[in-house]
Amino acid sequence: MTVGDLGEFGVVNRIAGRLPQGEGVMLGPGDDAAVVAAPDARVVVSTDLLVERRHFRLDWSSGYDVGRKAAAQNLADVAAMGAVPTSIVVGLGIPAELPVAWLDALTDGFREECAEVGASVVGGDITRSDLVVIGVTALGDLGGRAPVKRSGARPGQVVAVAGRLGHAAAGWALLEAGAVIGSAALEEAVTAHRRPSPPYQEGPRAAGLGASAMLDVSDGLVQDLGHVAAASGVRVELDPEAFTVGEPVVAAAKELGSDPLEWVLTGGEDHALAAVFPPDVRLPPSWQVVGRVVEGEGVLVYGREMGRGGWDHFR
């Protein structure tokens, strides 16, 4: 059965029927708009767009993978502001010949990624499209905290990261090369490309620890920290010896003859968090100090010549 067989309202009803609503949802799918509680009286909002063949491939990723990835990259943006995600709304363009089973898996992916943070899918829109196009808007609650922006870095502070770096880039490279995925480590890298695992809880935790700047690493650490440097009017210096390179990244680099640290520094889509903290803050083990903030501009990686690096939608 295809989504064309169901028709527009059949598709809407099928999606809504797979989406239970959390306690913070005052009115879910079914009306012109949803109503979500905002205990803090402020709402954090972020939105992203994913397009088939640009952000994912149907022969590389299942509907479930795509659903989790689409939700994750938006929920991570909310966490990077120091907020707790509460809900998402989804805009969906799909071909009429798309199998209903793929749509069900996509919906399940949205639902289960949101469940990681106690959020709900509260509504959205659907239309016919030649390719699968997904727009997700995520909402979050600051819980009384100030939002952690990109512009708060100051000389003398330290730079730290939480979550995986380089895994998704390694997985993409393996798939692009048509490599044989013959070990658990390589499979883990490929899974990281298909389905990121952001450290959601570390966003609000970092805010509570006094982080003065933070962002989600979506386009590559060097490129993303460049945004912090520019917004704050400072220079970020990274120590390549401070990074822990995961076994999946090492295994993929060995398989392809690549430099694993290049993926760690410039690979995107892991949705780790990078934050700047006062130098005297005692960080939990989930955060790894990898650099410092000094006067100047841009991002320097000791001992390495770095090009533009990172992801750019128009390159």
Protein backbone atom coordinates (compact mmCIF):
# COMPACT_ATOMS: atom_id res chain seq x y z
CA MET A 1 0.00 0.00 0.00
CA THR A 2 1.21 3.52 -0.80
CA VAL A 3 0.41 6.89 0.70
CA GLY A 4 -1.44 7.69 -2.53
CA ASP A 5 -3.81 4.82 -1.76
CA LEU A 6 -4.57 6.36 1.65
CA GLY A 7 -5.10 9.92 0.43
CA GLU A 8 -4.19 13.10 2.30
CA PHE A 9 -6.53 12.75 5.26
CA GLY A 10 -5.89 9.05 5.56
CA VAL A 11 -2.18 9.81 5.82
CA VAL A 12 -2.79 12.52 8.44
CA ASN A 13 -4.97 10.23 10.52
CA ARG A 14 -2.49 7.39 10.25
CA ILE A 15 0.38 9.58 11.46
CA ALA A 16 -1.63 11.10 14.31
CA GLY A 17 -2.72 7.66 15.46
CA ARG A 18 0.91 6.68 16.11
CA LEU A 19 1.73 9.75 18.21
CA PRO A 20 0.80 9.74 21.92
CA GLN A 21 0.91 13.16 23.58
CA GLY A 22 2.87 14.09 26.69
CA GLU A 23 1.55 15.87 29.73
CA GLY A 24 2.80 19.27 28.58
CA VAL A 25 0.56 19.14 25.49
CA MET A 26 -2.71 20.96 26.11
CA LEU A 27 -4.02 20.35 22.58
CA GLY A 28 -2.38 17.98 20.10
CA PRO A 29 -3.05 17.05 16.46
CA GLY A 30 -6.54 17.60 15.08
CA ASP A 31 -7.12 21.36 15.23
CA ASP A 32 -5.72 24.25 13.21
CA ALA A 33 -2.84 24.55 15.67
CA ALA A 34 -1.51 22.79 18.75
CA VAL A 35 -1.33 24.26 22.25
CA VAL A 36 1.72 23.48 24.37
CA ALA A 37 2.34 24.60 27.95
CA ALA A 38 5.14 27.16 28.40
CA PRO A 39 5.92 27.13 32.14
CA ASP A 40 8.85 29.55 31.78
CA ALA A 41 6.73 32.07 29.80
CA ARG A 42 9.48 31.98 27.14
CA VAL A 43 9.70 29.46 24.30
CA VAL A 44 12.90 28.38 22.55
CA VAL A 45 12.24 27.70 18.84
CA SER A 46 14.44 26.09 16.19
CA THR A 47 13.71 24.76 12.71
CA ASP A 48 15.53 22.66 10.12
CA LEU A 49 14.85 21.26 6.66
CA LEU A 50 15.94 17.85 5.32
CA VAL A 51 15.75 16.97 1.63
CA GLU A 52 16.11 13.50 0.13
CA ARG A 53 19.43 13.01 -1.74
CA ARG A 54 20.85 16.06 0.02
CA HIS A 55 20.60 15.09 3.71
CA PHE A 56 19.70 11.41 3.46
CA ARG A 57 19.35 8.63 0.90
CA LEU A 58 16.53 6.09 0.90
CA ASP A 59 18.96 3.33 -0.07
CA TRP A 60 21.19 4.16 2.92
CA SER A 61 18.65 4.95 5.62
CA SER A 62 15.32 3.50 6.68
CA GLY A 63 12.26 5.63 7.37
CA TYR A 64 12.87 5.04 11.07
CA ASP A 65 16.45 6.31 10.76
CA VAL A 66 15.34 9.43 8.90
CA GLY A 67 12.64 10.19 11.49
CA ARG A 68 15.07 9.94 14.37
CA LYS A 69 17.70 12.01 12.54
CA ALA A 70 15.24 14.76 11.59
CA ALA A 71 13.97 15.04 15.16
CA ALA A 72 17.44 14.78 16.71
CA GLN A 73 19.03 17.66 14.83
CA ASN A 74 16.25 20.00 15.95
CA LEU A 75 16.03 18.79 19.53
CA ALA A 76 19.82 19.22 19.80
CA ASP A 77 19.52 22.88 18.78
CA VAL A 78 17.07 23.46 21.63
CA ALA A 79 19.38 21.71 24.11
CA ALA A 80 22.27 23.86 22.87
CA MET A 81 20.42 26.94 24.14
CA GLY A 82 20.32 25.38 27.61
CA ALA A 83 16.65 24.44 27.25
CA VAL A 84 14.67 21.22 27.64
CA PRO A 85 12.84 20.22 24.42
CA THR A 86 9.08 19.97 24.84
CA SER A 87 7.59 19.33 21.38
CA ILE A 88 8.06 19.36 17.63
CA VAL A 89 5.84 20.04 14.62
CA VAL A 90 6.59 18.41 11.28
CA GLY A 91 6.07 19.57 7.70
CA LEU A 92 6.21 16.61 5.32
CA GLY A 93 6.40 16.44 1.53
CA ILE A 94 6.19 12.87 0.18
CA PRO A 95 5.68 11.15 -3.19
CA ALA A 96 2.34 9.41 -3.74
CA GLU A 97 4.15 6.13 -4.44
CA LEU A 98 5.94 6.12 -1.07
CA PRO A 99 5.09 2.89 0.80
CA VAL A 100 2.88 3.33 3.85
CA ALA A 101 5.30 1.10 5.78
CA TRP A 102 8.08 3.68 5.21
CA LEU A 103 5.79 6.45 6.46
CA ASP A 104 4.92 4.42 9.56
CA ALA A 105 8.62 3.87 10.27
CA LEU A 106 9.33 7.59 9.80
CA THR A 107 6.59 8.46 12.27
CA ASP A 108 7.91 5.92 14.77
CA GLY A 109 11.36 7.48 14.43
CA PHE A 110 9.98 10.93 15.25
CA ARG A 111 8.07 9.56 18.22
CA GLU A 112 10.93 7.58 19.71
CA GLU A 113 13.55 10.30 19.35
CA CYS A 114 11.20 12.75 21.05
CA ALA A 115 10.64 10.21 23.81
CA GLU A 116 14.38 10.45 24.61
CA VAL A 117 13.72 13.92 26.03
CA GLY A 118 10.06 13.64 27.01
CA ALA A 119 8.86 15.69 24.03
CA SER A 120 5.85 15.10 21.77
CA VAL A 121 5.03 15.48 18.08
CA VAL A 122 2.09 17.87 18.37
CA GLY A 123 1.17 18.57 14.74
CA GLY A 124 2.34 19.54 11.29
CA ASP A 125 1.36 19.58 7.62
CA ILE A 126 1.62 17.27 4.63
CA THR A 127 1.78 17.71 0.87
CA ARG A 128 2.68 15.75 -2.25
CA SER A 129 6.28 16.11 -3.43
CA ASP A 130 8.59 14.48 -5.97
CA LEU A 131 11.13 13.79 -3.21
CA VAL A 132 10.81 13.28 0.55
CA VAL A 133 11.16 16.71 2.16
CA ILE A 134 10.94 17.12 5.94
CA GLY A 135 10.71 20.36 7.89
CA VAL A 136 10.86 20.12 11.67
CA THR A 137 10.32 22.90 14.19
CA ALA A 138 11.27 22.16 17.80
CA LEU A 139 10.13 24.01 20.91
CA GLY A 140 11.80 24.07 24.31
CA ASP A 141 11.54 25.38 27.87
CA LEU A 142 14.38 27.27 29.57
CA GLY A 143 13.20 26.40 33.07
CA GLY A 144 14.08 29.84 34.42
CA ARG A 145 17.62 29.82 32.99
CA ALA A 146 19.03 32.47 30.67
CA PRO A 147 19.50 31.21 27.10
CA VAL A 148 23.10 30.29 26.31
CA LYS A 149 24.03 32.18 23.16
CA ARG A 150 27.02 32.05 20.82
CA SER A 151 28.19 35.52 21.78
CA GLY A 152 29.24 34.92 25.40
CA ALA A 153 32.81 33.59 25.00
CA ARG A 154 35.54 35.64 26.72
CA PRO A 155 39.35 35.37 26.76
CA GLY A 156 40.60 33.12 29.55
CA GLN A 157 37.72 30.66 29.33
CA VAL A 158 37.97 27.00 28.32
CA VAL A 159 36.28 25.20 25.43
CA ALA A 160 34.75 21.77 26.07
CA VAL A 161 32.70 19.24 24.12
CA ALA A 162 30.12 16.63 25.10
CA GLY A 163 29.01 13.79 22.85
CA ARG A 164 30.52 12.06 19.82
CA LEU A 165 32.62 13.79 17.17
CA GLY A 166 33.59 12.38 13.78
CA HIS A 167 31.37 9.29 13.94
CA ALA A 168 28.72 10.48 11.48
CA ALA A 169 31.34 11.76 9.03
CA ALA A 170 33.16 8.42 9.20
CA GLY A 171 29.91 6.57 8.55
CA TRP A 172 29.06 8.77 5.58
CA ALA A 173 32.54 8.20 4.12
CA LEU A 174 32.15 4.42 4.46
CA LEU A 175 28.80 4.48 2.68
CA GLU A 176 30.04 6.84 -0.02
CA ALA A 177 33.03 4.57 -0.68
CA GLY A 178 30.85 1.45 -0.83
CA ALA A 179 33.00 -0.12 1.89
CA VAL A 180 32.21 -3.57 3.23
CA ILE A 181 30.89 -3.08 6.77
CA GLY A 182 32.60 -6.08 8.30
CA SER A 183 32.99 -5.16 11.97
CA ALA A 184 30.97 -3.80 14.89
CA ALA A 185 33.06 -0.63 14.91
CA LEU A 186 32.34 0.14 11.25
CA GLU A 187 28.66 -0.64 11.76
CA GLU A 188 28.60 1.81 14.67
CA ALA A 189 30.03 4.53 12.45
CA VAL A 190 27.41 3.92 9.76
CA THR A 191 24.65 3.92 12.38
CA ALA A 192 25.92 7.27 13.65
CA HIS A 193 25.45 8.75 10.17
CA ARG A 194 21.96 7.32 9.89
CA ARG A 195 20.86 8.15 13.41
CA PRO A 196 22.78 10.65 15.58
CA SER A 197 22.79 10.44 19.37
CA PRO A 198 22.99 13.98 20.79
CA PRO A 199 23.79 14.44 24.51
CA TYR A 200 20.53 16.31 25.15
CA GLN A 201 20.79 16.44 28.92
CA GLU A 202 24.18 18.15 28.73
CA GLY A 203 22.69 21.37 27.35
CA PRO A 204 20.69 22.33 30.44
CA ARG A 205 23.49 20.91 32.62
CA ALA A 206 26.05 23.16 30.94
CA ALA A 207 23.79 26.16 31.43
CA GLY A 208 23.57 25.31 35.12
CA LEU A 209 27.37 25.06 35.33
CA GLY A 210 27.77 28.56 33.97
CA ALA A 211 28.42 28.01 30.26
CA SER A 212 28.60 31.44 28.64
CA ALA A 213 28.43 30.25 25.01
CA MET A 214 27.23 26.99 23.46
CA LEU A 215 26.12 25.44 20.21
CA ASP A 216 25.17 22.18 18.55
CA VAL A 217 27.97 20.75 16.39
CA SER A 218 26.05 20.12 13.18
CA ASP A 219 28.41 21.38 10.46
CA GLY A 220 31.81 20.47 11.94
CA LEU A 221 33.51 21.57 15.17
CA VAL A 222 35.98 24.01 13.62
CA GLN A 223 33.36 25.66 11.45
CA ASP A 224 30.78 25.84 14.24
CA LEU A 225 33.24 27.24 16.78
CA GLY A 226 34.04 29.82 14.15
CA HIS A 227 30.51 31.13 14.69
CA VAL A 228 31.21 31.44 18.42
CA ALA A 229 34.48 33.24 17.72
CA ALA A 230 32.83 35.67 15.32
CA ALA A 231 29.81 36.35 17.53
CA SER A 232 31.99 36.85 20.63
CA GLY A 233 34.85 38.76 19.00
CA VAL A 234 37.46 36.26 20.23
CA ARG A 235 39.78 33.52 19.02
CA VAL A 236 39.27 29.85 19.81
CA GLU A 237 42.38 27.67 20.06
CA LEU A 238 41.99 23.88 19.96
CA ASP A 239 44.51 21.28 21.09
CA PRO A 240 44.30 18.19 18.82
CA GLU A 241 46.01 16.11 21.54
CA ALA A 242 43.05 16.76 23.86
CA PHE A 243 40.49 14.92 21.74
CA THR A 244 39.47 11.34 22.34
CA VAL A 245 38.99 9.69 18.95
CA GLY A 246 36.33 6.98 19.11
CA GLU A 247 37.06 3.43 17.97
CA PRO A 248 34.48 3.61 15.11
CA VAL A 249 36.29 6.67 13.73
CA VAL A 250 39.68 4.98 14.03
CA ALA A 251 38.39 1.82 12.35
CA ALA A 252 36.79 3.73 9.48
CA ALA A 253 39.96 5.78 8.94
CA LYS A 254 42.02 2.59 8.79
CA GLU A 255 39.56 1.07 6.32
CA LEU A 256 39.65 4.10 4.01
CA GLY A 257 43.19 5.34 4.58
CA SER A 258 41.93 8.62 6.05
CA ASP A 259 42.93 10.90 8.91
CA PRO A 260 40.52 10.24 11.80
CA LEU A 261 41.18 13.60 13.43
CA GLU A 262 40.04 15.36 10.26
CA TRP A 263 36.56 13.87 10.78
CA VAL A 264 36.61 14.83 14.46
CA LEU A 265 37.46 18.44 13.67
CA THR A 266 35.42 19.01 10.51
CA GLY A 267 32.79 16.26 10.31
CA GLY A 268 29.20 17.28 11.00
CA GLU A 269 25.89 15.67 11.96
CA ASP A 270 26.95 14.05 15.23
CA HIS A 271 25.15 16.88 17.04
CA ALA A 272 27.58 16.95 19.92
CA LEU A 273 27.56 20.08 22.07
CA ALA A 274 30.44 22.54 22.29
CA ALA A 275 30.47 25.09 25.11
CA VAL A 276 32.65 27.73 26.71
CA PHE A 277 33.05 27.73 30.49
CA PRO A 278 34.84 29.85 33.11
CA PRO A 279 38.30 28.34 33.76
CA ASP A 280 37.57 27.49 37.39
CA VAL A 281 34.42 25.43 36.72
CA ARG A 282 34.72 21.76 37.64
CA LEU A 283 33.20 19.90 34.70
CA PRO A 284 31.64 16.43 34.92
CA PRO A 285 33.29 13.55 32.98
CA SER A 286 30.73 13.96 30.18
CA TRP A 287 32.51 17.19 29.18
CA GLN A 288 36.03 17.14 27.75
CA VAL A 289 38.14 20.30 27.67
CA VAL A 290 39.69 20.63 24.19
CA GLY A 291 40.81 24.23 23.96
CA ARG A 292 40.71 27.78 25.22
CA VAL A 293 39.47 31.25 24.34
CA VAL A 294 42.01 34.03 23.73
CA GLU A 295 42.05 37.49 22.24
CA GLY A 296 41.97 37.58 18.46
CA GLU A 297 39.69 36.08 15.86
CA GLY A 298 38.87 32.80 14.15
CA VAL A 299 39.74 29.23 15.14
CA LEU A 300 43.27 27.83 15.43
CA VAL A 301 44.10 24.13 15.70
CA TYR A 302 47.63 23.71 17.02
CA GLY A 303 49.97 22.11 14.50
CA ARG A 304 47.42 21.81 11.68
CA GLU A 305 46.57 23.83 8.62
CA MET A 306 42.79 24.00 8.50
CA GLY A 307 40.86 24.99 5.38
CA ARG A 308 37.24 26.07 5.44
CA GLY A 309 36.22 22.59 6.59
CA GLY A 310 32.74 21.63 7.72
CA TRP A 311 29.43 21.47 5.92
CA ASP A 312 28.04 24.21 3.69
CA HIS A 313 24.71 23.65 1.91
CA PHE A 314 25.86 25.70 -1.08
CA ARG A 315 29.25 24.07 -1.61
